[in-house]
């Protein structure tokens, strides 16, 4: 089975593609312009992908996106929406969590990721996974408290006090 050759729509000329590739300050965007310029100069998507270091499937997807929506689709969308989703807790809720962490949890013991996640879920009403509880614990400066392991051949408490008398 042979693939249908993907052709670029004439949104920009070969020279304009080369200029955008060479003058682009954003590295991700420059690689995309580089691929389109290579395609426009006669390279196959497979060859362009190998030269630039992209997966051929991604190159074909990029060509289709450029053909359907034009040059504006090549910008790095991470620039427009940096940092991922908004934090689960606002400033007041974070302060309330910090206060809650100063007291022992409702069931006793130590605060853990799952316990903090359950607290966040009660406050926000949104399903919260244990990992997010650990993230908030770390942000507030808490670390995992694990007792030091005792060596299997360690002396008993009585043996240690006996040894200290000498």
Foldseek 3Di string as FASTA:
>chain_A
DDDDFQDADPLDALVVLVVCLVPPPDPQLNLLSQLVSCVNVPDGLVVSCVVSVHDSVVSVVSRVCCRVPNDVVSDDCCVVVPDDDDDLDDPVVLVVLLVVQVDAQPVGDHDALVSQQVVSCVVRVDRGDSVVSVVSCVVSPHDDDDDDDDDPPDDDPVVVVVVVVD
